N, C-alpha and C. Protein backbone atom coordinates (compact mmCIF):
# COMPACT_ATOMS: atom_id res chain seq x y z
N UNK A 1 -105.52 12.93 -44.09
CA UNK A 1 -105.37 14.25 -44.56
C UNK A 1 -105.19 14.19 -46.09
N UNK A 2 -105.89 15.07 -46.80
CA UNK A 2 -105.83 15.12 -48.25
C UNK A 2 -105.51 16.55 -48.72
N UNK A 3 -104.82 16.65 -49.84
CA UNK A 3 -104.57 17.97 -50.42
C UNK A 3 -105.25 18.02 -51.78
N UNK A 4 -105.96 19.10 -51.99
CA UNK A 4 -106.61 19.33 -53.29
C UNK A 4 -106.14 20.62 -53.90
N UNK A 5 -105.81 20.63 -55.19
CA UNK A 5 -105.43 21.85 -55.86
C UNK A 5 -106.61 22.42 -56.59
N UNK A 6 -107.02 23.62 -56.25
CA UNK A 6 -108.19 24.26 -56.88
C UNK A 6 -107.66 25.41 -57.76
N UNK A 7 -108.03 25.44 -59.05
CA UNK A 7 -107.54 26.52 -59.92
C UNK A 7 -107.98 27.89 -59.39
N UNK A 8 -107.07 28.84 -59.41
CA UNK A 8 -107.33 30.19 -58.95
C UNK A 8 -106.84 31.11 -60.04
N UNK A 9 -107.70 32.00 -60.59
CA UNK A 9 -107.36 32.69 -61.84
C UNK A 9 -106.11 33.58 -61.78
N UNK A 10 -105.82 34.21 -60.68
CA UNK A 10 -104.68 35.12 -60.65
C UNK A 10 -103.34 34.46 -60.31
N UNK A 11 -103.34 33.50 -59.39
CA UNK A 11 -102.06 33.03 -58.87
C UNK A 11 -101.79 31.53 -59.17
N UNK A 12 -102.56 30.89 -60.00
CA UNK A 12 -102.28 29.49 -60.23
C UNK A 12 -103.20 28.62 -59.42
N UNK A 13 -102.72 28.15 -58.27
CA UNK A 13 -103.50 27.19 -57.47
C UNK A 13 -103.59 27.60 -56.03
N UNK A 14 -104.71 27.31 -55.36
CA UNK A 14 -104.83 27.42 -53.90
C UNK A 14 -104.91 25.97 -53.46
N UNK A 15 -104.09 25.59 -52.50
CA UNK A 15 -104.10 24.23 -52.00
C UNK A 15 -104.92 24.20 -50.71
N UNK A 16 -105.85 23.29 -50.64
CA UNK A 16 -106.68 23.09 -49.45
C UNK A 16 -106.21 21.84 -48.73
N UNK A 17 -106.06 21.96 -47.44
CA UNK A 17 -105.78 20.81 -46.60
C UNK A 17 -107.08 20.39 -45.98
N UNK A 18 -107.50 19.17 -46.23
CA UNK A 18 -108.81 18.74 -45.74
C UNK A 18 -108.63 17.59 -44.79
N UNK A 19 -109.23 17.73 -43.62
CA UNK A 19 -109.22 16.66 -42.60
C UNK A 19 -110.66 16.18 -42.45
N UNK A 20 -110.81 14.88 -42.51
CA UNK A 20 -112.13 14.29 -42.20
C UNK A 20 -112.09 13.88 -40.77
N UNK A 21 -112.97 14.48 -40.01
CA UNK A 21 -113.00 14.25 -38.54
C UNK A 21 -114.30 13.55 -38.16
N UNK A 22 -114.19 12.53 -37.35
CA UNK A 22 -115.36 11.85 -36.88
C UNK A 22 -115.51 12.17 -35.36
N UNK A 23 -116.58 12.90 -35.05
CA UNK A 23 -116.83 13.30 -33.69
C UNK A 23 -117.81 12.35 -33.01
N UNK A 24 -117.71 11.10 -33.28
CA UNK A 24 -118.60 10.12 -32.69
C UNK A 24 -119.83 9.92 -33.56
N UNK A 25 -120.38 8.70 -33.53
CA UNK A 25 -121.55 8.41 -34.37
C UNK A 25 -121.13 8.28 -35.82
N UNK A 26 -122.02 8.57 -36.73
CA UNK A 26 -121.73 8.39 -38.11
C UNK A 26 -121.55 9.77 -38.86
N UNK A 27 -121.48 10.84 -38.08
CA UNK A 27 -121.35 12.17 -38.70
C UNK A 27 -119.87 12.51 -38.94
N UNK A 28 -119.54 12.83 -40.20
CA UNK A 28 -118.20 13.24 -40.55
C UNK A 28 -118.20 14.72 -40.87
N UNK A 29 -117.18 15.41 -40.38
CA UNK A 29 -117.05 16.84 -40.66
C UNK A 29 -115.80 17.10 -41.45
N UNK A 30 -115.86 18.08 -42.29
CA UNK A 30 -114.67 18.42 -43.10
C UNK A 30 -114.11 19.78 -42.56
N UNK A 31 -112.82 19.73 -42.30
CA UNK A 31 -112.12 20.92 -41.81
C UNK A 31 -111.13 21.34 -42.88
N UNK A 32 -111.22 22.60 -43.33
CA UNK A 32 -110.34 23.06 -44.40
C UNK A 32 -109.51 24.26 -43.94
N UNK A 33 -108.32 24.32 -44.41
CA UNK A 33 -107.50 25.50 -44.11
C UNK A 33 -106.72 25.88 -45.36
N UNK A 34 -106.59 27.17 -45.60
CA UNK A 34 -105.86 27.64 -46.80
C UNK A 34 -104.39 27.68 -46.51
N UNK A 35 -103.59 27.06 -47.39
CA UNK A 35 -102.16 27.02 -47.20
C UNK A 35 -101.45 28.13 -47.92
N UNK A 36 -102.02 28.64 -49.00
CA UNK A 36 -101.39 29.68 -49.79
C UNK A 36 -101.58 31.06 -49.12
N UNK A 37 -100.54 31.83 -49.08
CA UNK A 37 -100.63 33.15 -48.42
C UNK A 37 -101.40 34.12 -49.31
N UNK A 38 -101.85 35.19 -48.75
CA UNK A 38 -102.55 36.25 -49.42
C UNK A 38 -101.59 37.00 -50.37
N UNK A 39 -102.13 37.50 -51.48
CA UNK A 39 -101.32 38.26 -52.39
C UNK A 39 -100.99 39.60 -51.75
N UNK A 40 -99.75 40.08 -51.93
CA UNK A 40 -99.35 41.37 -51.39
C UNK A 40 -99.01 42.28 -52.57
N UNK A 41 -99.48 43.55 -52.48
CA UNK A 41 -99.33 44.49 -53.58
C UNK A 41 -98.72 45.78 -53.11
N UNK A 42 -98.08 46.49 -54.05
CA UNK A 42 -97.67 47.89 -53.87
C UNK A 42 -98.35 48.64 -54.97
N UNK A 43 -99.00 49.75 -54.61
CA UNK A 43 -99.70 50.54 -55.62
C UNK A 43 -98.67 51.44 -56.29
N UNK A 44 -98.57 51.29 -57.61
CA UNK A 44 -97.63 52.04 -58.42
C UNK A 44 -98.27 53.34 -58.88
N UNK A 45 -99.47 53.24 -59.44
CA UNK A 45 -100.24 54.43 -59.87
C UNK A 45 -101.70 54.25 -59.50
N UNK A 46 -102.31 55.31 -59.06
CA UNK A 46 -103.72 55.33 -58.71
C UNK A 46 -104.23 56.75 -58.91
N UNK A 47 -104.96 56.95 -60.01
CA UNK A 47 -105.46 58.32 -60.26
C UNK A 47 -106.78 58.27 -61.03
N UNK A 48 -107.52 59.40 -60.96
CA UNK A 48 -108.77 59.55 -61.68
C UNK A 48 -108.67 60.85 -62.51
N UNK A 49 -109.36 60.80 -63.65
CA UNK A 49 -109.39 61.98 -64.50
C UNK A 49 -110.79 62.07 -65.12
N UNK A 50 -111.27 63.28 -65.28
CA UNK A 50 -112.59 63.46 -65.88
C UNK A 50 -112.50 63.36 -67.38
N UNK A 51 -113.43 62.62 -67.97
CA UNK A 51 -113.48 62.44 -69.41
C UNK A 51 -113.96 63.70 -70.12
N UNK A 52 -113.31 64.05 -71.21
CA UNK A 52 -113.73 65.22 -72.01
C UNK A 52 -114.74 64.83 -73.05
N UNK A 53 -115.07 63.55 -73.17
CA UNK A 53 -116.01 63.08 -74.18
C UNK A 53 -117.47 63.21 -73.76
N UNK A 54 -117.72 63.14 -72.46
CA UNK A 54 -119.12 63.09 -71.95
C UNK A 54 -119.40 64.37 -71.18
N UNK A 55 -120.67 64.78 -71.23
CA UNK A 55 -121.08 65.99 -70.49
C UNK A 55 -121.49 65.71 -69.05
N UNK A 56 -121.62 64.43 -68.69
CA UNK A 56 -122.08 64.07 -67.34
C UNK A 56 -120.98 63.84 -66.33
N UNK A 57 -119.80 64.42 -66.56
CA UNK A 57 -118.66 64.33 -65.65
C UNK A 57 -118.26 62.87 -65.34
N UNK A 58 -118.16 62.10 -66.38
CA UNK A 58 -117.74 60.70 -66.26
C UNK A 58 -116.26 60.65 -65.87
N UNK A 59 -115.95 59.84 -64.88
CA UNK A 59 -114.58 59.71 -64.37
C UNK A 59 -113.93 58.48 -64.93
N UNK A 60 -112.61 58.61 -65.28
CA UNK A 60 -111.80 57.51 -65.77
C UNK A 60 -110.78 57.26 -64.68
N UNK A 61 -110.67 55.99 -64.23
CA UNK A 61 -109.78 55.66 -63.12
C UNK A 61 -108.78 54.58 -63.54
N UNK A 62 -107.53 54.78 -63.13
CA UNK A 62 -106.45 53.84 -63.41
C UNK A 62 -105.83 53.40 -62.08
N UNK A 63 -105.71 52.10 -61.89
CA UNK A 63 -105.02 51.53 -60.71
C UNK A 63 -104.05 50.50 -61.17
N UNK A 64 -102.73 50.79 -60.99
CA UNK A 64 -101.65 49.87 -61.36
C UNK A 64 -100.98 49.39 -60.09
N UNK A 65 -100.94 48.09 -59.94
CA UNK A 65 -100.35 47.50 -58.73
C UNK A 65 -99.28 46.47 -59.10
N UNK A 66 -98.26 46.38 -58.24
CA UNK A 66 -97.21 45.39 -58.45
C UNK A 66 -97.35 44.28 -57.42
N UNK A 67 -97.45 43.05 -57.89
CA UNK A 67 -97.60 41.86 -57.03
C UNK A 67 -96.23 41.55 -56.39
N UNK A 68 -96.11 41.66 -55.09
CA UNK A 68 -94.78 41.50 -54.43
C UNK A 68 -94.34 40.06 -54.36
N UNK A 69 -95.22 39.12 -54.03
CA UNK A 69 -94.82 37.72 -53.97
C UNK A 69 -95.21 36.98 -55.26
N UNK A 70 -94.92 37.63 -56.39
CA UNK A 70 -95.21 37.10 -57.69
C UNK A 70 -94.28 35.91 -58.03
N UNK A 71 -94.87 34.87 -58.57
CA UNK A 71 -94.09 33.74 -59.05
C UNK A 71 -94.38 33.54 -60.50
N UNK A 72 -93.38 33.59 -61.40
CA UNK A 72 -93.65 33.49 -62.82
C UNK A 72 -94.32 32.19 -63.21
N UNK A 73 -95.14 32.24 -64.20
CA UNK A 73 -95.73 31.08 -64.76
C UNK A 73 -95.79 31.22 -66.28
N UNK A 74 -96.18 30.18 -66.94
CA UNK A 74 -96.23 30.25 -68.43
C UNK A 74 -97.41 31.07 -68.91
N UNK A 75 -98.34 31.44 -68.03
CA UNK A 75 -99.54 32.20 -68.42
C UNK A 75 -99.40 33.72 -68.15
N UNK A 76 -98.35 34.14 -67.46
CA UNK A 76 -98.19 35.56 -67.15
C UNK A 76 -96.85 36.06 -67.68
N UNK A 77 -96.79 37.35 -67.97
CA UNK A 77 -95.54 37.93 -68.48
C UNK A 77 -94.87 38.88 -67.47
N UNK A 78 -95.48 39.12 -66.32
CA UNK A 78 -94.92 39.99 -65.33
C UNK A 78 -95.76 40.14 -64.08
N UNK A 79 -95.31 40.91 -63.11
CA UNK A 79 -95.96 41.01 -61.82
C UNK A 79 -96.99 42.12 -61.68
N UNK A 80 -97.38 42.77 -62.76
CA UNK A 80 -98.26 43.93 -62.66
C UNK A 80 -99.73 43.57 -62.89
N UNK A 81 -100.62 44.17 -62.07
CA UNK A 81 -102.04 44.03 -62.18
C UNK A 81 -102.58 45.41 -62.50
N UNK A 82 -103.48 45.48 -63.47
CA UNK A 82 -103.98 46.78 -63.94
C UNK A 82 -105.52 46.74 -63.89
N UNK A 83 -106.12 47.73 -63.21
CA UNK A 83 -107.54 47.88 -63.17
C UNK A 83 -107.89 49.17 -63.82
N UNK A 84 -108.67 49.17 -64.90
CA UNK A 84 -109.10 50.34 -65.60
C UNK A 84 -110.60 50.47 -65.47
N UNK A 85 -111.10 51.65 -65.07
CA UNK A 85 -112.50 51.92 -64.88
C UNK A 85 -112.91 53.11 -65.67
N UNK A 86 -114.04 53.02 -66.37
CA UNK A 86 -114.64 54.19 -66.98
C UNK A 86 -116.14 54.09 -66.73
N UNK A 87 -116.70 55.12 -66.12
CA UNK A 87 -118.11 55.10 -65.66
C UNK A 87 -118.30 53.84 -64.83
N UNK A 88 -119.18 52.95 -65.26
CA UNK A 88 -119.48 51.72 -64.49
C UNK A 88 -118.77 50.48 -65.02
N UNK A 89 -117.91 50.64 -66.05
CA UNK A 89 -117.21 49.51 -66.64
C UNK A 89 -115.86 49.31 -66.03
N UNK A 90 -115.47 48.03 -65.84
CA UNK A 90 -114.20 47.67 -65.26
C UNK A 90 -113.48 46.76 -66.23
N UNK A 91 -112.22 47.07 -66.51
CA UNK A 91 -111.39 46.28 -67.39
C UNK A 91 -110.15 45.79 -66.60
N UNK A 92 -110.18 44.57 -66.07
CA UNK A 92 -109.04 44.06 -65.31
C UNK A 92 -108.01 43.35 -66.21
N UNK A 93 -106.73 43.53 -65.87
CA UNK A 93 -105.62 42.85 -66.58
C UNK A 93 -104.67 42.35 -65.51
N UNK A 94 -104.29 41.09 -65.57
CA UNK A 94 -103.43 40.47 -64.56
C UNK A 94 -102.22 39.84 -65.21
N UNK A 95 -101.08 39.86 -64.49
CA UNK A 95 -99.89 39.21 -64.96
C UNK A 95 -99.24 39.91 -66.14
N UNK A 96 -99.16 41.25 -66.09
CA UNK A 96 -98.58 42.01 -67.17
C UNK A 96 -97.12 42.42 -66.87
N UNK A 97 -96.37 42.64 -67.94
CA UNK A 97 -95.05 43.28 -67.76
C UNK A 97 -95.30 44.77 -67.57
N UNK A 98 -94.24 45.46 -67.11
CA UNK A 98 -94.40 46.92 -66.89
C UNK A 98 -94.63 47.66 -68.24
N UNK A 99 -93.95 47.26 -69.26
CA UNK A 99 -94.09 47.92 -70.55
C UNK A 99 -95.51 47.72 -71.12
N UNK A 100 -96.04 46.51 -71.00
CA UNK A 100 -97.42 46.23 -71.52
C UNK A 100 -98.43 47.00 -70.70
N UNK A 101 -98.26 47.10 -69.40
CA UNK A 101 -99.17 47.84 -68.52
C UNK A 101 -99.19 49.32 -68.90
N UNK A 102 -97.99 49.91 -69.13
CA UNK A 102 -97.93 51.32 -69.49
C UNK A 102 -98.56 51.58 -70.87
N UNK A 103 -98.38 50.66 -71.80
CA UNK A 103 -99.01 50.81 -73.11
C UNK A 103 -100.54 50.75 -72.99
N UNK A 104 -101.06 49.81 -72.20
CA UNK A 104 -102.48 49.73 -72.02
C UNK A 104 -103.08 50.98 -71.40
N UNK A 105 -102.39 51.52 -70.39
CA UNK A 105 -102.85 52.75 -69.73
C UNK A 105 -102.89 53.90 -70.72
N UNK A 106 -101.85 54.04 -71.55
CA UNK A 106 -101.81 55.15 -72.52
C UNK A 106 -102.94 55.00 -73.53
N UNK A 107 -103.17 53.83 -74.04
CA UNK A 107 -104.25 53.61 -75.01
C UNK A 107 -105.60 53.86 -74.39
N UNK A 108 -105.77 53.41 -73.14
CA UNK A 108 -107.05 53.58 -72.44
C UNK A 108 -107.36 55.04 -72.22
N UNK A 109 -106.35 55.81 -71.77
CA UNK A 109 -106.55 57.24 -71.50
C UNK A 109 -106.83 57.99 -72.81
N UNK A 110 -106.08 57.67 -73.86
CA UNK A 110 -106.33 58.33 -75.12
C UNK A 110 -107.74 58.07 -75.67
N UNK A 111 -108.18 56.84 -75.49
CA UNK A 111 -109.50 56.48 -76.00
C UNK A 111 -110.64 57.03 -75.19
N UNK A 112 -110.50 57.02 -73.85
CA UNK A 112 -111.64 57.39 -73.01
C UNK A 112 -111.60 58.77 -72.42
N UNK A 113 -110.46 59.42 -72.42
CA UNK A 113 -110.38 60.80 -71.88
C UNK A 113 -110.42 61.79 -73.01
N UNK A 114 -109.57 61.64 -74.05
CA UNK A 114 -109.51 62.63 -75.08
C UNK A 114 -110.32 62.24 -76.34
N UNK A 115 -110.66 61.01 -76.47
CA UNK A 115 -111.47 60.61 -77.64
C UNK A 115 -110.67 60.16 -78.82
N UNK A 116 -109.35 60.07 -78.67
CA UNK A 116 -108.53 59.59 -79.76
C UNK A 116 -108.43 58.05 -79.60
N UNK A 117 -108.77 57.34 -80.65
CA UNK A 117 -108.72 55.88 -80.59
C UNK A 117 -107.51 55.46 -81.43
N UNK A 118 -106.37 55.10 -80.79
CA UNK A 118 -105.20 54.73 -81.53
C UNK A 118 -105.35 53.37 -82.20
N UNK A 119 -104.70 53.18 -83.32
CA UNK A 119 -104.72 51.90 -83.98
C UNK A 119 -103.82 50.92 -83.19
N UNK A 120 -104.12 49.64 -83.29
CA UNK A 120 -103.38 48.66 -82.52
C UNK A 120 -102.34 47.92 -83.34
N UNK A 121 -102.29 48.21 -84.66
CA UNK A 121 -101.34 47.49 -85.51
C UNK A 121 -100.46 48.44 -86.22
């Protein structure tokens, strides 16, 4: 039995347990099972608003989720995942603090709904 750590962008690593099984003859089969549990989320905010910038009824969508089984790492600052959509574009953000997520939502809505582009500095 062997364990391999495969990088996984949102949660660090997924560990695979690999068994090499010989079912007779010279054929070897690999059996894999996922040991890491699925990510669990609570939806904090989920709403759509029509953009006032475009005449074609473009929708702006915000989805803010909190990762319940979040484990801190040096690459993340908090348990929040943010998905921002405008028309066909998707802007994902993972591992945010609550304050950073709220700031990103405000900037995104000001820029894409009302047309005000706030400065970042």
